[in-house]
C-alpha atoms as a PDB file:
ATOM      1  CA  UNK A   1     121.353 110.106 -24.164  1.00  0.00           C
ATOM      2  CA  UNK A   2     117.838 108.668 -24.623  1.00  0.00           C
ATOM      3  CA  UNK A   3     116.484 110.815 -21.775  1.00  0.00           C
ATOM      4  CA  UNK A   4     117.958 113.973 -23.326  1.00  0.00           C
ATOM      5  CA  UNK A   5     116.305 113.217 -26.702  1.00  0.00           C
ATOM      6  CA  UNK A   6     112.961 112.641 -25.030  1.00  0.00           C
ATOM      7  CA  UNK A   7     113.240 115.926 -23.150  1.00  0.00           C
ATOM      8  CA  UNK A   8     114.118 117.806 -26.382  1.00  0.00           C
ATOM      9  CA  UNK A   9     111.146 116.244 -28.219  1.00  0.00           C
ATOM     10  CA  UNK A  10     108.780 117.174 -25.394  1.00  0.00           C
ATOM     11  CA  UNK A  11     110.014 120.779 -25.490  1.00  0.00           C
ATOM     12  CA  UNK A  12     109.452 121.005 -29.260  1.00  0.00           C
ATOM     13  CA  UNK A  13     105.902 119.592 -29.019  1.00  0.00           C
ATOM     14  CA  UNK A  14     105.044 122.002 -26.220  1.00  0.00           C
ATOM     15  CA  UNK A  15     106.150 124.923 -28.373  1.00  0.00           C
ATOM     16  CA  UNK A  16     103.809 123.986 -31.254  1.00  0.00           C
ATOM     17  CA  UNK A  17     100.484 125.874 -31.332  1.00  0.00           C
ATOM     18  CA  UNK A  18      97.383 123.791 -30.511  1.00  0.00           C
ATOM     19  CA  UNK A  19      95.052 123.268 -33.478  1.00  0.00           C
ATOM     20  CA  UNK A  20      91.430 124.306 -33.004  1.00  0.00           C
ATOM     21  CA  UNK A  21      88.558 121.928 -33.797  1.00  0.00           C
ATOM     22  CA  UNK A  22      87.116 122.531 -37.246  1.00  0.00           C
ATOM     23  CA  UNK A  23      83.643 121.645 -38.576  1.00  0.00           C
ATOM     24  CA  UNK A  24      83.537 118.967 -41.276  1.00  0.00           C
ATOM     25  CA  UNK A  25      81.889 119.816 -44.566  1.00  0.00           C
ATOM     26  CA  UNK A  26      79.299 117.606 -46.258  1.00  0.00           C
ATOM     27  CA  UNK A  27      81.891 115.913 -48.459  1.00  0.00           C
ATOM     28  CA  UNK A  28      83.951 114.870 -45.422  1.00  0.00           C
ATOM     29  CA  UNK A  29      80.889 113.672 -43.499  1.00  0.00           C
ATOM     30  CA  UNK A  30      79.609 111.629 -46.432  1.00  0.00           C
ATOM     31  CA  UNK A  31      82.927 109.786 -46.615  1.00  0.00           C
ATOM     32  CA  UNK A  32      82.485 108.394 -43.088  1.00  0.00           C
ATOM     33  CA  UNK A  33      81.374 104.765 -43.127  1.00  0.00           C
ATOM     34  CA  UNK A  34      80.504 102.429 -40.276  1.00  0.00           C
ATOM     35  CA  UNK A  35      82.207  99.043 -40.323  1.00  0.00           C
ATOM     36  CA  UNK A  36      80.796  96.508 -37.902  1.00  0.00           C
ATOM     37  CA  UNK A  37      77.640  98.172 -36.592  1.00  0.00           C
ATOM     38  CA  UNK A  38      76.592  97.546 -32.997  1.00  0.00           C
ATOM     39  CA  UNK A  39      76.247  94.296 -31.065  1.00  0.00           C
ATOM     40  CA  UNK A  40      74.130  94.228 -27.927  1.00  0.00           C
ATOM     41  CA  UNK A  41      72.733  91.687 -25.504  1.00  0.00           C
ATOM     42  CA  UNK A  42      69.581  91.778 -23.379  1.00  0.00           C
ATOM     43  CA  UNK A  43      70.985  89.918 -20.395  1.00  0.00           C
ATOM     44  CA  UNK A  44      68.606  90.189 -17.434  1.00  0.00           C
ATOM     45  CA  UNK A  45      66.028  92.088 -19.500  1.00  0.00           C
ATOM     46  CA  UNK A  46      62.616  92.653 -17.934  1.00  0.00           C
ATOM     47  CA  UNK A  47      59.949  95.310 -18.412  1.00  0.00           C
ATOM     48  CA  UNK A  48      56.458  96.087 -17.186  1.00  0.00           C
ATOM     49  CA  UNK A  49      54.231  99.138 -16.936  1.00  0.00           C
ATOM     50  CA  UNK A  50      50.847 100.731 -17.501  1.00  0.00           C
ATOM     51  CA  UNK A  51      51.479 102.274 -20.936  1.00  0.00           C
ATOM     52  CA  UNK A  52      48.634 102.032 -23.443  1.00  0.00           C
ATOM     53  CA  UNK A  53      48.842 102.093 -27.249  1.00  0.00           C
ATOM     54  CA  UNK A  54      45.583 103.082 -28.961  1.00  0.00           C
ATOM     55  CA  UNK A  55      44.502 103.159 -32.594  1.00  0.00           C
ATOM     56  CA  UNK A  56      41.483 105.436 -33.069  1.00  0.00           C
ATOM     57  CA  UNK A  57      39.517 105.793 -36.290  1.00  0.00           C
ATOM     58  CA  UNK A  58      38.131 109.157 -37.476  1.00  0.00           C
ATOM     59  CA  UNK A  59      34.682 108.031 -36.284  1.00  0.00           C
ATOM     60  CA  UNK A  60      35.953 107.463 -32.739  1.00  0.00           C
ATOM     61  CA  UNK A  61      36.092 103.660 -32.624  1.00  0.00           C
ATOM     62  CA  UNK A  62      39.311 102.506 -30.967  1.00  0.00           C
ATOM     63  CA  UNK A  63      41.442  99.443 -30.315  1.00  0.00           C
ATOM     64  CA  UNK A  64      44.024  99.451 -27.553  1.00  0.00           C
ATOM     65  CA  UNK A  65      46.739  97.275 -26.019  1.00  0.00           C
ATOM     66  CA  UNK A  66      48.179  98.047 -22.619  1.00  0.00           C
ATOM     67  CA  UNK A  67      50.171  96.884 -19.570  1.00  0.00           C
ATOM     68  CA  UNK A  68      52.892  95.192 -21.579  1.00  0.00           C
ATOM     69  CA  UNK A  69      55.266  92.933 -19.700  1.00  0.00           C
ATOM     70  CA  UNK A  70      58.233  90.961 -21.005  1.00  0.00           C
ATOM     71  CA  UNK A  71      61.280  89.170 -19.645  1.00  0.00           C
ATOM     72  CA  UNK A  72      64.004  86.983 -21.108  1.00  0.00           C
ATOM     73  CA  UNK A  73      66.116  84.161 -19.754  1.00  0.00           C
ATOM     74  CA  UNK A  74      69.826  84.415 -20.572  1.00  0.00           C
ATOM     75  CA  UNK A  75      72.663  82.476 -22.102  1.00  0.00           C
ATOM     76  CA  UNK A  76      75.033  80.786 -19.641  1.00  0.00           C
ATOM     77  CA  UNK A  77      77.743  82.947 -21.255  1.00  0.00           C
ATOM     78  CA  UNK A  78      76.493  86.563 -21.459  1.00  0.00           C
ATOM     79  CA  UNK A  79      77.179  88.373 -24.730  1.00  0.00           C
ATOM     80  CA  UNK A  80      78.265  85.143 -26.415  1.00  0.00           C
ATOM     81  CA  UNK A  81      75.337  85.335 -28.864  1.00  0.00           C
ATOM     82  CA  UNK A  82      74.230  88.991 -29.133  1.00  0.00           C
ATOM     83  CA  UNK A  83      71.825  90.906 -31.325  1.00  0.00           C
ATOM     84  CA  UNK A  84      73.524  92.787 -34.168  1.00  0.00           C
ATOM     85  CA  UNK A  85      72.433  96.125 -35.606  1.00  0.00           C
ATOM     86  CA  UNK A  86      73.930  97.334 -38.901  1.00  0.00           C
ATOM     87  CA  UNK A  87      73.160  99.985 -41.486  1.00  0.00           C
ATOM     88  CA  UNK A  88      73.857  98.366 -44.847  1.00  0.00           C
ATOM     89  CA  UNK A  89      73.642  99.516 -48.442  1.00  0.00           C
ATOM     90  CA  UNK A  90      70.334  98.803 -50.099  1.00  0.00           C
ATOM     91  CA  UNK A  91      69.829  97.100 -53.437  1.00  0.00           C
ATOM     92  CA  UNK A  92      70.875  99.183 -56.466  1.00  0.00           C
ATOM     93  CA  UNK A  93      68.748 102.313 -56.602  1.00  0.00           C
ATOM     94  CA  UNK A  94      67.179 101.760 -53.181  1.00  0.00           C
ATOM     95  CA  UNK A  95      67.751 103.437 -49.811  1.00  0.00           C
ATOM     96  CA  UNK A  96      70.064 102.077 -47.118  1.00  0.00           C
ATOM     97  CA  UNK A  97      68.663  99.485 -44.721  1.00  0.00           C
ATOM     98  CA  UNK A  98      68.681  99.214 -40.927  1.00  0.00           C
ATOM     99  CA  UNK A  99      69.242  95.507 -40.295  1.00  0.00           C
ATOM    100  CA  UNK A 100      68.694  93.841 -36.897  1.00  0.00           C
ATOM    101  CA  UNK A 101      69.916  90.234 -36.735  1.00  0.00           C
ATOM    102  CA  UNK A 102      68.565  88.073 -33.899  1.00  0.00           C
ATOM    103  CA  UNK A 103      70.813  85.713 -31.905  1.00  0.00           C
ATOM    104  CA  UNK A 104      71.199  82.214 -33.363  1.00  0.00           C
ATOM    105  CA  UNK A 105      70.188  80.790 -29.966  1.00  0.00           C
ATOM    106  CA  UNK A 106      71.043  77.224 -30.999  1.00  0.00           C
ATOM    107  CA  UNK A 107      70.586  75.859 -27.458  1.00  0.00           C
ATOM    108  CA  UNK A 108      67.278  77.707 -26.937  1.00  0.00           C
ATOM    109  CA  UNK A 109      68.625  79.331 -23.761  1.00  0.00           C
ATOM    110  CA  UNK A 110      67.052  82.695 -24.592  1.00  0.00           C
ATOM    111  CA  UNK A 111      63.352  82.347 -23.852  1.00  0.00           C
ATOM    112  CA  UNK A 112      60.811  85.165 -23.752  1.00  0.00           C
ATOM    113  CA  UNK A 113      57.797  85.481 -21.450  1.00  0.00           C
ATOM    114  CA  UNK A 114      55.273  88.159 -22.480  1.00  0.00           C
ATOM    115  CA  UNK A 115      51.765  89.401 -21.725  1.00  0.00           C
ATOM    116  CA  UNK A 116      49.502  92.326 -22.554  1.00  0.00           C
ATOM    117  CA  UNK A 117      45.855  93.338 -22.081  1.00  0.00           C
ATOM    118  CA  UNK A 118      43.633  94.606 -24.883  1.00  0.00           C
ATOM    119  CA  UNK A 119      40.222  96.076 -25.478  1.00  0.00           C
ATOM    120  CA  UNK A 120      37.981  98.071 -27.804  1.00  0.00           C
ATOM    121  CA  UNK A 121      35.985 101.268 -27.552  1.00  0.00           C
ATOM    122  CA  UNK A 122      32.882 102.261 -29.508  1.00  0.00           C
ATOM    123  CA  UNK A 123      29.869 104.540 -28.989  1.00  0.00           C
ATOM    124  CA  UNK A 124      31.379 105.891 -25.798  1.00  0.00           C
ATOM    125  CA  UNK A 125      31.782 102.436 -24.231  1.00  0.00           C
ATOM    126  CA  UNK A 126      35.202 100.858 -23.571  1.00  0.00           C
ATOM    127  CA  UNK A 127      35.198  97.118 -23.090  1.00  0.00           C
ATOM    128  CA  UNK A 128      38.115  95.048 -21.841  1.00  0.00           C
ATOM    129  CA  UNK A 129      38.654  91.941 -23.934  1.00  0.00           C
ATOM    130  CA  UNK A 130      41.141  90.116 -21.747  1.00  0.00           C
ATOM    131  CA  UNK A 131      44.828  89.266 -22.033  1.00  0.00           C
ATOM    132  CA  UNK A 132      47.262  87.577 -24.357  1.00  0.00           C
ATOM    133  CA  UNK A 133      49.900  85.507 -22.538  1.00  0.00           C
ATOM    134  CA  UNK A 134      53.006  84.099 -24.259  1.00  0.00           C
ATOM    135  CA  UNK A 135      55.205  81.509 -22.548  1.00  0.00           C
ATOM    136  CA  UNK A 136      58.628  80.265 -23.660  1.00  0.00           C
ATOM    137  CA  UNK A 137      58.870  82.071 -26.998  1.00  0.00           C
ATOM    138  CA  UNK A 138      62.205  81.223 -28.634  1.00  0.00           C
ATOM    139  CA  UNK A 139      63.739  82.924 -31.686  1.00  0.00           C
ATOM    140  CA  UNK A 140      66.411  81.053 -33.654  1.00  0.00           C
ATOM    141  CA  UNK A 141      68.146  83.583 -35.888  1.00  0.00           C
ATOM    142  CA  UNK A 142      66.222  85.637 -38.404  1.00  0.00           C
ATOM    143  CA  UNK A 143      65.719  89.350 -37.888  1.00  0.00           C
ATOM    144  CA  UNK A 144      64.145  92.620 -38.990  1.00  0.00           C
ATOM    145  CA  UNK A 145      64.850  95.234 -41.675  1.00  0.00           C
ATOM    146  CA  UNK A 146      63.695  98.851 -41.854  1.00  0.00           C
ATOM    147  CA  UNK A 147      64.045 101.308 -44.721  1.00  0.00           C
ATOM    148  CA  UNK A 148      62.322 103.988 -46.801  1.00  0.00           C
ATOM    149  CA  UNK A 149      59.373 102.728 -48.901  1.00  0.00           C
ATOM    150  CA  UNK A 150      59.946 102.535 -52.648  1.00  0.00           C
ATOM    151  CA  UNK A 151      56.647 104.392 -53.162  1.00  0.00           C
ATOM    152  CA  UNK A 152      54.466 106.557 -50.894  1.00  0.00           C
ATOM    153  CA  UNK A 153      55.257 107.423 -47.283  1.00  0.00           C
ATOM    154  CA  UNK A 154      55.559 105.314 -44.160  1.00  0.00           C
ATOM    155  CA  UNK A 155      58.011 102.626 -43.076  1.00  0.00           C
ATOM    156  CA  UNK A 156      59.180  99.746 -45.242  1.00  0.00           C
ATOM    157  CA  UNK A 157      60.202  96.634 -43.337  1.00  0.00           C
ATOM    158  CA  UNK A 158      61.275  93.053 -43.769  1.00  0.00           C
ATOM    159  CA  UNK A 159      61.060  90.120 -41.370  1.00  0.00           C
ATOM    160  CA  UNK A 160      62.503  86.613 -41.190  1.00  0.00           C
ATOM    161  CA  UNK A 161      61.346  84.251 -38.427  1.00  0.00           C
ATOM    162  CA  UNK A 162      62.247  80.886 -37.055  1.00  0.00           C
ATOM    163  CA  UNK A 163      60.273  80.779 -33.842  1.00  0.00           C
ATOM    164  CA  UNK A 164      58.890  78.334 -31.291  1.00  0.00           C
ATOM    165  CA  UNK A 165      56.248  79.227 -28.686  1.00  0.00           C
ATOM    166  CA  UNK A 166      55.674  76.915 -25.754  1.00  0.00           C
ATOM    167  CA  UNK A 167      52.174  78.238 -25.091  1.00  0.00           C
ATOM    168  CA  UNK A 168      50.023  81.067 -26.479  1.00  0.00           C
ATOM    169  CA  UNK A 169      46.892  81.791 -24.436  1.00  0.00           C
ATOM    170  CA  UNK A 170      43.948  84.114 -25.077  1.00  0.00           C
ATOM    171  CA  UNK A 171      42.419  84.688 -21.616  1.00  0.00           C
ATOM    172  CA  UNK A 172      39.208  86.789 -21.406  1.00  0.00           C
ATOM    173  CA  UNK A 173      39.393  86.888 -17.576  1.00  0.00           C
ATOM    174  CA  UNK A 174      42.862  88.440 -17.539  1.00  0.00           C
ATOM    175  CA  UNK A 175      46.465  87.295 -17.443  1.00  0.00           C
ATOM    176  CA  UNK A 176      46.264  85.907 -13.902  1.00  0.00           C
ATOM    177  CA  UNK A 177      43.144  83.786 -14.511  1.00  0.00           C
ATOM    178  CA  UNK A 178      43.594  80.897 -16.949  1.00  0.00           C
ATOM    179  CA  UNK A 179      40.382  79.111 -15.984  1.00  0.00           C
ATOM    180  CA  UNK A 180      38.822  80.329 -19.248  1.00  0.00           C
ATOM    181  CA  UNK A 181      41.087  80.424 -22.287  1.00  0.00           C
ATOM    182  CA  UNK A 182      41.901  79.385 -25.791  1.00  0.00           C
ATOM    183  CA  UNK A 183      45.327  77.750 -25.598  1.00  0.00           C
ATOM    184  CA  UNK A 184      47.742  76.968 -28.443  1.00  0.00           C
ATOM    185  CA  UNK A 185      50.635  74.770 -27.328  1.00  0.00           C
ATOM    186  CA  UNK A 186      53.809  73.888 -29.193  1.00  0.00           C
ATOM    187  CA  UNK A 187      53.622  76.541 -31.933  1.00  0.00           C
ATOM    188  CA  UNK A 188      56.376  76.463 -34.550  1.00  0.00           C
ATOM    189  CA  UNK A 189      57.033  78.877 -37.443  1.00  0.00           C
ATOM    190  CA  UNK A 190      59.946  78.592 -39.864  1.00  0.00           C
ATOM    191  CA  UNK A 191      61.209  77.898 -43.359  1.00  0.00           C
ATOM    192  CA  UNK A 192      60.357  74.634 -45.136  1.00  0.00           C
ATOM    193  CA  UNK A 193      61.793  72.675 -48.041  1.00  0.00           C
ATOM    194  CA  UNK A 194      59.959  71.658 -51.207  1.00  0.00           C
ATOM    195  CA  UNK A 195      58.239  68.830 -49.331  1.00  0.00           C
ATOM    196  CA  UNK A 196      56.873  71.063 -46.586  1.00  0.00           C
ATOM    197  CA  UNK A 197      59.385  69.834 -43.991  1.00  0.00           C
ATOM    198  CA  UNK A 198      60.901  72.360 -41.587  1.00  0.00           C
ATOM    199  CA  UNK A 199      64.535  72.908 -42.614  1.00  0.00           C
ATOM    200  CA  UNK A 200      65.764  74.845 -39.544  1.00  0.00           C
ATOM    201  CA  UNK A 201      65.993  78.146 -41.435  1.00  0.00           C
ATOM    202  CA  UNK A 202      64.010  81.372 -40.874  1.00  0.00           C
ATOM    203  CA  UNK A 203      60.972  81.994 -43.054  1.00  0.00           C
ATOM    204  CA  UNK A 204      61.370  85.334 -44.822  1.00  0.00           C
ATOM    205  CA  UNK A 205      57.892  86.844 -44.655  1.00  0.00           C
ATOM    206  CA  UNK A 206      59.063  90.105 -46.271  1.00  0.00           C
ATOM    207  CA  UNK A 207      62.240  91.753 -47.572  1.00  0.00           C
ATOM    208  CA  UNK A 208      62.726  95.493 -48.096  1.00  0.00           C
ATOM    209  CA  UNK A 209      64.000  94.914 -51.650  1.00  0.00           C
ATOM    210  CA  UNK A 210      62.629  91.662 -53.076  1.00  0.00           C
ATOM    211  CA  UNK A 211      59.206  91.736 -51.346  1.00  0.00           C
ATOM    212  CA  UNK A 212      58.796  94.827 -49.158  1.00  0.00           C
ATOM    213  CA  UNK A 213      56.252  95.163 -46.388  1.00  0.00           C
ATOM    214  CA  UNK A 214      54.968  98.603 -45.429  1.00  0.00           C
ATOM    215  CA  UNK A 215      53.115 100.390 -42.635  1.00  0.00           C
ATOM    216  CA  UNK A 216      51.612 103.748 -43.581  1.00  0.00           C
ATOM    217  CA  UNK A 217      48.447 105.812 -43.769  1.00  0.00           C
ATOM    218  CA  UNK A 218      46.452 105.880 -47.004  1.00  0.00           C
ATOM    219  CA  UNK A 219      43.856 108.578 -47.611  1.00  0.00           C
ATOM    220  CA  UNK A 220      40.668 108.098 -49.585  1.00  0.00           C
ATOM    221  CA  UNK A 221      37.449 110.088 -49.867  1.00  0.00           C
ATOM    222  CA  UNK A 222      36.541 109.264 -46.256  1.00  0.00           C
ATOM    223  CA  UNK A 223      39.904 110.219 -44.726  1.00  0.00           C
ATOM    224  CA  UNK A 224      43.153 108.500 -43.691  1.00  0.00           C
ATOM    225  CA  UNK A 225      43.332 104.794 -42.943  1.00  0.00           C
ATOM    226  CA  UNK A 226      46.033 102.710 -41.294  1.00  0.00           C
ATOM    227  CA  UNK A 227      47.486 100.417 -43.946  1.00  0.00           C
ATOM    228  CA  UNK A 228      49.663  97.304 -43.608  1.00  0.00           C
ATOM    229  CA  UNK A 229      50.788  95.438 -46.700  1.00  0.00           C
ATOM    230  CA  UNK A 230      53.311  93.117 -48.334  1.00  0.00           C
ATOM    231  CA  UNK A 231      54.042  93.700 -52.018  1.00  0.00           C
ATOM    232  CA  UNK A 232      54.300  91.152 -54.794  1.00  0.00           C
ATOM    233  CA  UNK A 233      57.721  89.447 -55.166  1.00  0.00           C
ATOM    234  CA  UNK A 234      59.988  91.663 -57.314  1.00  0.00           C
ATOM    235  CA  UNK A 235      62.153  89.704 -59.806  1.00  0.00           C
ATOM    236  CA  UNK A 236      64.493  92.712 -60.129  1.00  0.00           C
ATOM    237  CA  UNK A 237      65.890  91.976 -56.672  1.00  0.00           C
ATOM    238  CA  UNK A 238      65.373  88.236 -56.299  1.00  0.00           C
ATOM    239  CA  UNK A 239      63.834  85.127 -57.795  1.00  0.00           C
ATOM    240  CA  UNK A 240      60.379  86.663 -58.098  1.00  0.00           C
ATOM    241  CA  UNK A 241      58.962  83.823 -55.971  1.00  0.00           C
ATOM    242  CA  UNK A 242      57.721  84.290 -52.415  1.00  0.00           C
ATOM    243  CA  UNK A 243      59.654  82.163 -49.870  1.00  0.00           C
ATOM    244  CA  UNK A 244      57.805  79.196 -48.369  1.00  0.00           C
ATOM    245  CA  UNK A 245      57.225  78.744 -44.660  1.00  0.00           C
ATOM    246  CA  UNK A 246      55.397  76.371 -42.381  1.00  0.00           C
ATOM    247  CA  UNK A 247      53.190  76.733 -39.294  1.00  0.00           C
ATOM    248  CA  UNK A 248      52.568  73.887 -36.854  1.00  0.00           C
ATOM    249  CA  UNK A 249      50.602  73.734 -33.603  1.00  0.00           C
ATOM    250  CA  UNK A 250      50.916  70.649 -31.407  1.00  0.00           C
ATOM    251  CA  UNK A 251      47.632  71.215 -29.580  1.00  0.00           C
ATOM    252  CA  UNK A 252      44.635  73.585 -29.627  1.00  0.00           C
ATOM    253  CA  UNK A 253      42.286  73.517 -26.665  1.00  0.00           C
ATOM    254  CA  UNK A 254      39.527  75.506 -24.930  1.00  0.00           C
ATOM    255  CA  UNK A 255      38.948  75.561 -21.184  1.00  0.00           C
ATOM    256  CA  UNK A 256      35.991  77.020 -19.254  1.00  0.00           C
ATOM    257  CA  UNK A 257      35.091  76.988 -15.541  1.00  0.00           C
ATOM    258  CA  UNK A 258      33.107  73.895 -14.599  1.00  0.00           C
ATOM    259  CA  UNK A 259      33.346  72.421 -18.083  1.00  0.00           C
ATOM    260  CA  UNK A 260      35.565  69.679 -19.495  1.00  0.00           C
ATOM    261  CA  UNK A 261      38.373  70.937 -21.712  1.00  0.00           C
ATOM    262  CA  UNK A 262      37.689  70.808 -25.441  1.00  0.00           C
ATOM    263  CA  UNK A 263      40.748  69.360 -27.175  1.00  0.00           C
ATOM    264  CA  UNK A 264      40.955  69.969 -30.935  1.00  0.00           C
ATOM    265  CA  UNK A 265      44.287  68.205 -31.369  1.00  0.00           C
ATOM    266  CA  UNK A 266      47.083  69.457 -33.608  1.00  0.00           C
ATOM    267  CA  UNK A 267      47.109  71.597 -36.742  1.00  0.00           C
ATOM    268  CA  UNK A 268      49.665  72.029 -39.495  1.00  0.00           C
ATOM    269  CA  UNK A 269      50.164  74.146 -42.611  1.00  0.00           C
ATOM    270  CA  UNK A 270      52.944  72.312 -44.417  1.00  0.00           C
ATOM    271  CA  UNK A 271      53.829  75.097 -46.832  1.00  0.00           C
ATOM    272  CA  UNK A 272      52.530  78.661 -47.108  1.00  0.00           C
ATOM    273  CA  UNK A 273      53.642  81.589 -49.282  1.00  0.00           C
ATOM    274  CA  UNK A 274      52.593  85.215 -48.903  1.00  0.00           C
ATOM    275  CA  UNK A 275      52.291  86.438 -52.464  1.00  0.00           C
ATOM    276  CA  UNK A 276      50.508  89.694 -51.607  1.00  0.00           C
ATOM    277  CA  UNK A 277      48.909  91.223 -48.525  1.00  0.00           C
ATOM    278  CA  UNK A 278      46.829  94.403 -48.336  1.00  0.00           C
ATOM    279  CA  UNK A 279      45.073  95.382 -45.081  1.00  0.00           C
ATOM    280  CA  UNK A 280      43.244  98.690 -44.670  1.00  0.00           C
ATOM    281  CA  UNK A 281      41.579  99.352 -41.326  1.00  0.00           C
ATOM    282  CA  UNK A 282      37.974 100.493 -41.714  1.00  0.00           C
ATOM    283  CA  UNK A 283      36.677 103.641 -40.058  1.00  0.00           C
END
């Protein structure tokens, strides 16, 4: 009896006309909402190449960075602590926000190794300035935000960092020659409490609503200029007070061929707040 009913139902469905696909109107499309965003891991990530990024002023002076390389060690359990990308509603009256949350990385298994070369050009002469080499850079949570600026054009962004760097080297002879270098070891950046003590939370350097940062081009009487800035804290979307962070370096040293190393010891900024930042690149 059950088989006969199934056969009858199949016959009826086969007799029904197939419905064609129809385009959705704007009202239907605007009702679609994402729920959980996208989670992704960078297990086994590595990159290298000869690409060059150059900023050139209207007068022809240039600054470039090139030959980027990066790799990351992985969690013992892949995809157990991924990155998360969401598009979330902005503060009232503001545009939506692309939010990228970094892995919590509580065991510091995810470690980045990076390097790039840089140089400058002026008056028809290009001069290599050496390499920047980063070893054992570890992010603990935090993340990035991107949105539409509240005023003017460009990209508004926010950033929150809790980061350790095993070693940061500035090497004028190139990434493979560390015989001459300025070396910062044991760098730590993160949030601090009222006493300037690291509290294991990310330091929010900027937020797209309460204290937006921006990258854009501003034009004056001499032409366009690259502009990077962080606005004043906005009490409409927060406390109106810039978050406090700390920066610590265990050791700063200089090394040169045939010379004894110059050891400057450690350095510490117990508490720092970015109230306002405005950088315009000169021509």
